[in-house]
Protein backbone atom coordinates (compact mmCIF):
# COMPACT_ATOMS: atom_id res chain seq x y z
CA MET A 1 78.57 108.19 97.90
CA SER A 2 78.05 111.13 95.61
CA GLY A 3 80.99 113.77 95.85
CA PRO A 4 79.83 117.39 96.08
CA GLY A 5 76.96 118.97 94.08
CA PRO A 6 77.94 122.14 91.63
CA ALA A 7 76.85 124.36 94.12
CA ASP A 8 79.02 123.09 96.72
CA ALA A 9 82.44 123.18 94.22
CA PRO A 10 83.29 126.85 94.29
CA GLN A 11 83.43 126.94 98.36
CA SER A 12 85.18 123.34 98.38
CA SER A 13 88.00 124.96 96.16
CA LYS A 14 87.86 127.99 98.46
CA ASN A 15 88.68 125.90 101.55
CA ASP A 16 91.36 124.25 99.39
CA ALA A 17 93.21 127.14 98.66
CA ARG A 18 92.70 128.41 102.43
CA ARG A 19 93.60 125.35 103.84
CA ALA A 20 96.86 125.69 101.58
CA ALA A 21 98.00 128.97 102.79
CA LEU A 22 97.47 127.89 105.95
CA GLU A 23 99.75 125.22 105.32
CA LYS A 24 102.40 127.12 103.89
CA LEU A 25 102.22 129.78 106.77
CA LEU A 26 102.98 126.88 109.09
CA ARG A 27 105.75 125.46 106.74
CA ASP A 28 107.59 129.42 106.60
CA ARG A 29 107.43 129.53 110.42
CA GLN A 30 108.85 126.46 111.22
CA ARG A 31 111.72 127.00 108.94
CA LYS A 32 112.26 130.36 110.52
CA PHE A 33 112.16 128.93 114.16
CA THR A 34 114.84 126.19 112.96
CA SER A 35 116.97 128.45 111.35
CA LEU A 36 116.78 130.79 114.44
CA LEU A 37 117.59 127.76 116.46
CA VAL A 38 120.81 127.07 114.76
CA ARG A 39 122.22 130.38 115.32
CA VAL A 40 121.27 130.53 119.06
CA LEU A 41 123.25 127.39 119.38
CA SER A 42 126.09 128.21 117.74
CA ALA A 43 126.29 132.02 118.60
CA GLU A 44 125.77 134.24 121.76
CA ASP A 45 123.51 136.58 119.64
CA ALA A 46 121.23 138.84 121.66
CA GLY A 47 119.15 139.62 118.53
CA ALA A 48 118.94 135.90 117.83
CA VAL A 49 117.74 134.97 120.92
CA HIS A 50 115.13 137.47 121.41
CA ASP A 51 113.60 136.43 117.63
CA LEU A 52 113.65 132.76 118.41
CA ARG A 53 111.67 133.33 121.18
CA VAL A 54 109.20 135.64 119.42
CA TRP A 55 109.17 132.97 116.57
CA SER A 56 108.32 130.49 118.98
CA ARG A 57 105.25 131.93 120.23
CA ARG A 58 103.76 132.48 116.49
CA LEU A 59 104.81 129.06 115.26
CA GLN A 60 102.88 128.14 118.58
CA GLN A 61 99.81 130.21 118.14
CA LEU A 62 99.67 129.11 114.54
CA ILE A 63 99.57 125.12 115.71
CA ALA A 64 97.28 126.09 118.51
CA ALA A 65 94.74 128.27 116.61
CA GLY A 66 94.72 125.89 112.84
CA CYS A 67 94.53 122.51 114.05
CA ALA A 68 91.12 120.82 114.65
CA LYS A 69 89.77 120.27 117.97
CA PRO A 70 90.31 118.53 119.92
CA ILE A 71 94.20 119.29 119.32
CA ALA A 72 95.71 115.80 118.35
CA PRO A 73 98.88 114.61 120.17
CA GLN A 74 101.32 115.78 117.78
CA ALA A 75 100.25 119.32 117.95
CA ARG A 76 100.04 119.08 121.86
CA GLY A 77 103.62 117.60 121.49
CA ALA A 78 105.07 120.54 119.18
CA VAL A 79 103.29 123.16 121.43
CA ARG A 80 104.51 122.08 124.42
CA ALA A 81 108.15 121.69 122.99
CA LEU A 82 108.08 124.90 121.71
CA ARG A 83 106.93 126.41 125.35
CA ARG A 84 110.13 124.94 126.94
CA ALA A 85 112.38 125.90 124.06
CA ARG A 86 111.08 129.67 125.04
CA ARG A 87 111.57 129.39 128.73
CA ALA A 88 114.73 127.66 128.52
CA MET A 89 115.80 131.16 127.08
CA GLY A 90 114.28 133.39 129.94
CA VAL A 91 117.05 133.83 131.84
CA TRP A 92 119.52 134.34 128.93
CA ARG A 93 117.19 137.05 127.22
CA ASP A 94 116.43 138.74 130.44
CA CYS A 95 120.14 139.19 131.31
CA ASP A 96 120.67 140.22 128.09
CA VAL A 97 117.93 143.82 128.33
CA ALA A 98 119.27 144.10 132.28
CA ILE A 99 123.11 144.48 130.65
CA ASP A 100 121.83 146.54 128.19
CA LEU A 101 119.83 148.71 130.62
CA LEU A 102 123.09 148.89 133.06
CA ASN A 103 125.48 149.82 130.04
CA ARG A 104 123.24 152.77 129.11
CA LYS A 105 122.99 154.04 133.04
CA LEU A 106 126.53 153.35 133.35
CA ARG A 107 126.83 155.95 130.44
CA ARG A 108 125.17 158.75 132.06
CA LEU A 109 126.07 158.31 135.81
CA ARG A 110 128.74 160.77 137.12
CA ASN A 111 128.78 160.02 140.91
CA ALA A 112 131.62 157.50 141.31
CA GLU A 113 129.89 155.02 144.42
CA GLU A 114 126.94 154.54 142.25
CA ARG A 115 129.01 153.90 139.09
CA GLN A 116 130.42 150.93 141.32
CA ALA A 117 127.51 149.53 142.70
CA TYR A 118 125.70 149.33 139.25
CA ALA A 119 129.03 147.88 137.77
CA MET A 120 128.46 145.33 140.41
CA ILE A 121 124.74 144.72 139.39
CA ARG A 122 126.50 144.39 136.08
CA ASP A 123 128.86 141.72 136.91
CA LEU A 124 125.57 139.49 138.49
CA ALA A 125 123.79 139.92 135.18
CA ALA A 126 126.59 138.63 133.29
CA SER A 127 127.09 135.74 135.60
CA LYS A 128 123.32 134.91 135.55
CA ARG A 129 123.86 134.98 132.02
CA GLU A 130 126.48 132.51 131.47
CA ARG A 131 124.60 130.13 133.26
CA GLY A 132 121.41 130.82 131.76
CA ILE A 133 123.36 130.35 128.23
CA ARG A 134 124.62 126.96 129.35
CA ARG A 135 121.24 125.76 130.79
CA ALA A 136 119.55 126.77 127.50
CA ARG A 137 121.62 125.66 124.88
CA ARG A 138 121.40 121.98 126.81
CA LYS A 139 117.30 122.13 126.65
CA LEU A 140 117.44 123.56 123.58
CA ALA A 141 119.68 120.98 121.84
CA SER A 142 116.67 118.41 122.25
CA ARG A 143 115.40 115.71 119.71
CA LYS A 144 112.09 117.47 119.75
CA LEU A 145 113.41 120.84 119.10
CA LEU A 146 115.90 119.61 115.95
CA THR A 147 113.33 117.40 114.60
CA LEU A 148 110.88 119.99 114.59
CA ALA A 149 110.47 120.22 110.70
CA GLU A 150 109.58 116.28 110.54
CA ARG A 151 107.08 117.10 113.12
CA THR A 152 105.46 119.56 111.24
CA GLU A 153 104.74 117.34 108.19
CA GLN A 154 103.54 114.69 110.63
CA LEU A 155 101.06 117.58 112.12
CA LEU A 156 99.79 118.42 108.95
CA ALA A 157 99.36 114.83 107.26
CA ALA A 158 97.45 114.32 110.63
CA ASP A 159 95.19 116.83 110.69
CA SER A 160 91.90 115.63 110.94
CA GLN A 161 89.64 118.33 109.83
CA PRO A 162 87.07 117.18 107.49
CA ALA A 163 86.73 118.59 104.03
CA SER A 164 83.79 120.91 104.54
CA ALA A 165 85.15 122.40 107.38
CA HIS A 166 86.63 126.39 106.89
CA PRO A 167 89.92 127.02 108.02
CA SER A 168 88.87 130.97 108.25
CA GLU A 169 85.80 130.07 110.25
CA THR A 170 88.25 128.13 112.62
CA LEU A 171 90.84 130.73 113.03
CA SER A 172 88.17 133.17 113.44
CA ARG A 173 86.95 131.44 116.35
CA SER A 174 90.41 131.05 117.63
CA ILE A 175 91.09 135.04 117.39
CA GLY A 176 87.32 135.58 118.93
CA GLU A 177 88.37 133.42 121.86
CA ALA A 178 91.80 134.71 122.39
CA TYR A 179 89.97 138.30 122.31
CA GLU A 180 87.48 137.61 125.04
CA GLN A 181 90.21 135.70 127.37
CA TRP A 182 92.50 138.93 126.19
CA ARG A 183 89.61 141.36 127.70
CA ALA A 184 88.88 139.06 130.88
CA SER A 185 92.52 139.42 131.78
CA LEU A 186 92.75 143.21 131.48
CA ALA A 187 89.43 143.26 133.65
CA ARG A 188 91.16 141.50 136.16
CA ALA A 189 94.40 143.62 136.00
CA CYS A 190 92.48 146.66 136.68
CA GLU A 191 90.85 145.11 139.54
CA GLY A 192 93.96 145.34 141.80
CA PHE A 193 96.99 145.87 139.52
CA ALA A 194 99.05 143.39 140.96
CA PRO A 195 102.31 142.54 138.96
CA GLY A 196 100.97 138.92 138.77
CA ASP A 197 97.72 139.84 136.68
CA ILE A 198 99.83 142.62 135.04
CA HIS A 199 102.47 140.35 133.75
CA PHE A 200 99.54 137.72 132.79
CA LEU A 201 97.60 140.44 130.90
CA ARG A 202 100.83 140.89 128.80
CA THR A 203 101.30 137.03 127.81
CA ARG A 204 97.43 137.25 126.49
CA THR A 205 98.44 140.62 125.01
CA LYS A 206 101.25 138.27 122.89
CA ARG A 207 98.63 135.56 122.44
CA LEU A 208 96.15 137.82 120.80
CA ARG A 209 98.69 139.57 118.65
CA TYR A 210 100.02 136.83 116.99
CA ARG A 211 96.51 135.00 116.44
CA ILE A 212 95.20 138.27 114.54
CA GLU A 213 99.14 138.47 112.59
CA MET A 214 97.73 134.88 111.29
CA ALA A 215 94.62 136.46 109.80
CA ARG A 216 96.94 139.22 108.25
CA ASP A 217 99.30 137.02 106.51
CA LEU A 218 97.04 134.82 105.34
CA GLY A 219 95.22 137.90 103.29
CA ASP A 220 93.33 140.11 105.90
CA ARG A 221 93.92 143.60 105.05
CA GLU A 222 92.74 144.96 107.63
CA ALA A 223 94.00 143.22 110.69
CA GLU A 224 97.09 145.21 110.25
CA THR A 225 95.54 148.23 111.90
CA ALA A 226 93.87 145.92 114.75
CA LEU A 227 97.06 145.24 115.49
CA ASP A 228 98.47 148.56 116.39
CA LEU A 229 97.00 148.73 119.81
CA LEU A 230 97.90 145.32 120.94
CA LYS A 231 101.90 146.33 119.62
CA SER A 232 101.84 149.56 121.63
CA LEU A 233 100.20 147.65 125.03
CA GLN A 234 103.05 144.73 124.16
CA GLU A 235 105.72 147.30 123.91
CA ILE A 236 104.86 149.31 126.92
CA LEU A 237 104.25 146.10 129.24
CA GLY A 238 107.44 144.67 128.01
CA ALA A 239 109.47 147.66 129.14
CA TRP A 240 107.56 147.58 132.29
CA HIS A 241 108.75 144.03 132.53
CA ASP A 242 112.24 144.32 132.05
CA HIS A 243 112.54 147.14 134.33
CA GLN A 244 110.82 144.80 136.78
CA GLN A 245 113.11 142.34 136.27
CA LEU A 246 116.13 144.86 136.57
CA LEU A 247 114.57 146.17 139.98
CA ARG A 248 114.78 142.34 141.05
CA LEU A 249 118.15 142.00 140.06
CA THR A 250 119.38 145.43 141.88
CA ALA A 251 118.09 144.46 145.06
CA GLU A 252 119.75 140.59 144.79
CA ALA A 253 122.98 142.34 144.26
CA LEU A 254 122.58 145.09 147.11
CA ALA A 255 122.28 142.32 149.56
CA ASP A 256 125.39 141.19 149.49
CA PRO A 257 126.03 141.65 153.55
CA GLU A 258 129.74 142.87 152.96
CA PHE A 259 128.53 145.61 150.65
CA MET A 260 125.82 146.47 152.58
CA LEU A 261 127.99 146.92 155.54
CA THR A 262 130.36 149.06 154.12
CA LYS A 263 128.15 150.96 152.05
CA THR A 264 125.05 151.28 154.22
CA LYS A 265 124.09 154.93 152.87
CA LEU A 266 124.42 154.12 149.39
CA VAL A 267 122.54 151.08 149.23
CA ALA A 268 119.99 153.01 151.13
CA THR A 269 120.03 155.69 148.45
CA LEU A 270 119.68 153.42 145.59
CA LEU A 271 116.68 151.42 147.16
CA ARG A 272 115.15 154.85 147.72
CA LYS A 273 115.62 155.72 144.19
CA SER A 274 114.84 152.12 142.56
CA HIS A 275 111.50 152.26 144.92
CA THR A 276 110.39 155.85 143.84
CA GLN A 277 110.54 154.33 140.14
CA GLN A 278 108.92 151.71 140.46
CA THR A 279 106.14 153.58 142.23
CA ILE A 280 106.25 156.23 139.24
CA ARG A 281 105.97 153.20 136.58
CA GLY A 282 103.28 151.63 138.49
CA LYS A 283 100.74 154.39 138.32
CA HIS A 284 101.48 154.80 134.46
CA VAL A 285 100.68 151.58 134.11
CA GLN A 286 97.67 152.11 136.14
CA SER A 287 96.75 154.73 134.13
CA LEU A 288 97.40 153.55 130.99
CA LEU A 289 95.28 149.96 131.57
CA ALA A 290 92.52 151.77 132.91
CA ALA A 291 92.22 153.86 129.83
CA THR A 292 92.45 150.94 127.53
CA GLN A 293 89.79 149.63 129.32
CA GLN A 294 87.21 152.44 129.29
CA ASN A 295 88.09 152.93 125.49
CA LEU A 296 88.04 149.76 124.43
CA GLU A 297 84.55 149.44 122.89
CA GLN A 298 85.77 152.45 120.66
CA SER A 299 89.03 151.13 119.34
CA VAL A 300 89.82 149.81 115.61
CA LEU A 301 90.58 146.59 117.34
CA HIS A 302 87.29 145.80 118.87
CA ARG A 303 85.58 146.89 115.70
CA TRP A 304 87.88 144.47 113.45
CA ILE A 305 86.51 141.75 115.93
CA ALA A 306 83.16 142.99 115.82
CA GLY A 307 83.87 142.27 111.96
CA LEU A 308 84.73 138.84 112.64
CA ARG A 309 81.42 137.89 114.49
CA THR A 310 79.15 139.03 111.74
CA THR A 311 79.89 135.61 109.87
CA VAL A 312 81.16 133.63 112.91
CA SER A 313 79.93 133.27 116.51
CA ALA A 314 82.65 133.57 118.76
CA PRO A 315 82.37 132.70 122.69
CA ALA A 316 80.63 135.06 124.53
CA THR A 317 82.89 134.35 127.87
CA ALA A 318 86.25 133.74 128.61
CA SER A 319 85.41 130.44 129.85
CA GLY A 320 86.54 128.22 126.53
CA GLN A 321 89.78 127.42 127.63
CA THR A 322 91.90 125.52 125.34
CA GLY A 323 94.39 122.98 126.60
CA GLU A 324 97.06 125.41 126.26
CA HIS A 325 96.13 127.73 129.10
CA ALA A 326 93.34 125.90 131.85
CA THR A 327 93.36 129.24 134.33
CA PRO A 328 95.01 132.34 134.81
CA HIS A 329 97.98 131.01 136.86
CA GLN A 330 99.07 128.54 134.46
CA ALA A 331 100.38 131.41 132.22
CA ASP A 332 103.69 131.40 130.75
CA SER A 333 106.22 131.93 133.67
CA PRO A 334 107.77 135.52 134.84
CA ALA A 335 110.90 134.58 132.71
CA GLU A 336 108.98 134.74 129.38
CA SER A 337 109.71 138.57 128.42
CA ASP A 338 110.07 137.80 124.67
CA ASN A 339 108.77 141.51 123.36
CA PRO A 340 108.53 141.56 119.83
CA GLU A 341 109.47 145.08 119.62
CA SER A 342 112.96 146.64 121.31
CA SER A 343 112.38 146.47 125.54
CA ALA A 344 114.55 149.61 125.67
CA SER A 345 112.39 151.89 123.43
CA CYS A 346 109.09 152.78 123.38
CA ALA A 347 107.05 154.26 120.64
CA SER A 348 104.19 157.16 120.68
CA LEU A 349 100.81 154.99 120.59
CA PRO A 350 98.48 154.82 117.36
CA ALA A 351 95.14 156.87 117.05
CA ASP A 352 93.28 153.97 118.57
CA ALA A 353 94.88 153.62 121.55
CA PRO A 354 93.75 155.05 124.90
CA ALA A 355 92.32 158.30 125.02
CA ASP A 356 94.41 159.29 128.02
CA ALA A 357 97.41 160.83 125.95
CA ALA A 358 98.80 162.67 128.53
CA ALA A 359 99.53 160.12 130.87
CA VAL A 360 100.27 157.83 128.18
CA HIS A 361 102.91 160.12 126.81
CA HIS A 362 104.39 160.79 129.87
CA PHE A 363 104.74 157.09 130.64
CA VAL A 364 106.54 156.97 127.84
CA GLY A 365 108.98 159.17 127.91
CA ALA A 366 109.47 158.07 131.98
CA MET A 367 110.04 154.47 130.47
CA SER A 368 112.51 155.36 127.83
CA GLU A 369 115.07 156.45 130.68
CA PRO A 370 117.26 154.40 133.19
CA VAL A 371 116.48 154.52 136.77
CA ARG A 372 118.68 157.10 138.26
């Protein structure tokens, strides 16, 4: 069989360079994940736990988006191992965030009884954290994770893409698919603002963000501005999630029968305050999501995605699910709060964020304050 003609040579060379860059990115992310895994197994470092969860998502999305379809068994196994690792650390991470929020709250409180109650909630979080650490380390010390470097090389060797395949086209299609699925989850969240739908939107936001980050890391300079809206939305939804987890922890601690009998009035006061704060945060999240949906087509993100489609026809609906998530209710579990930005702080939204600026900034201010 004759080789490619002279006209095909430049394109083939360009594809080879793109594939080499993708392989380098995969190896770099695998090494970053492995180094963080060693830190988490050897020390109780809250920052390392957070970073390991973030990099597990980045590596997972690179494997899912960059591999040939159908996804090879090696890739499917690696994705499954990364997802399980992240879930194993969920309780540990949630408790780290809750303890930080409670410590900040305790520094502000002056009422002795309320300080006693929140100290009890913090003790419960510390107890859950210890159990979570033991469980996480048992699951993280698995052969599949510790041999991930070897599995990555096997995955690269087994990549079945033909020589004529365009790596950039594969990635563009993957980003387009993730964007349509993200838009569908945003529309669903705006229908009834159910906590489950908002959480699913949060996981889809991460998924889309990390896929666009791949384009940025492979040389697309305009991708960085497209990420601004997703970063801000993820940060705010991450803070919302953290406070939801804190409310669950508060309810569990206050449900202690002896404490309820002896501190009935205090329990009622704390539950009432928690309900008020939950209502306020919920309304601000609703306002933010509605404004995001309303103004999405004027955003930098939408224009950047449209630019991808000038050369690649992305899926037009959210029905083209990959093997990673089959239905909305197969999203990552509520324990998955890997928020790449600090969960305890919320920055102002960028220029292309939703137009309802007053509501957004009011929400940001409210989320940065501990529940009183």
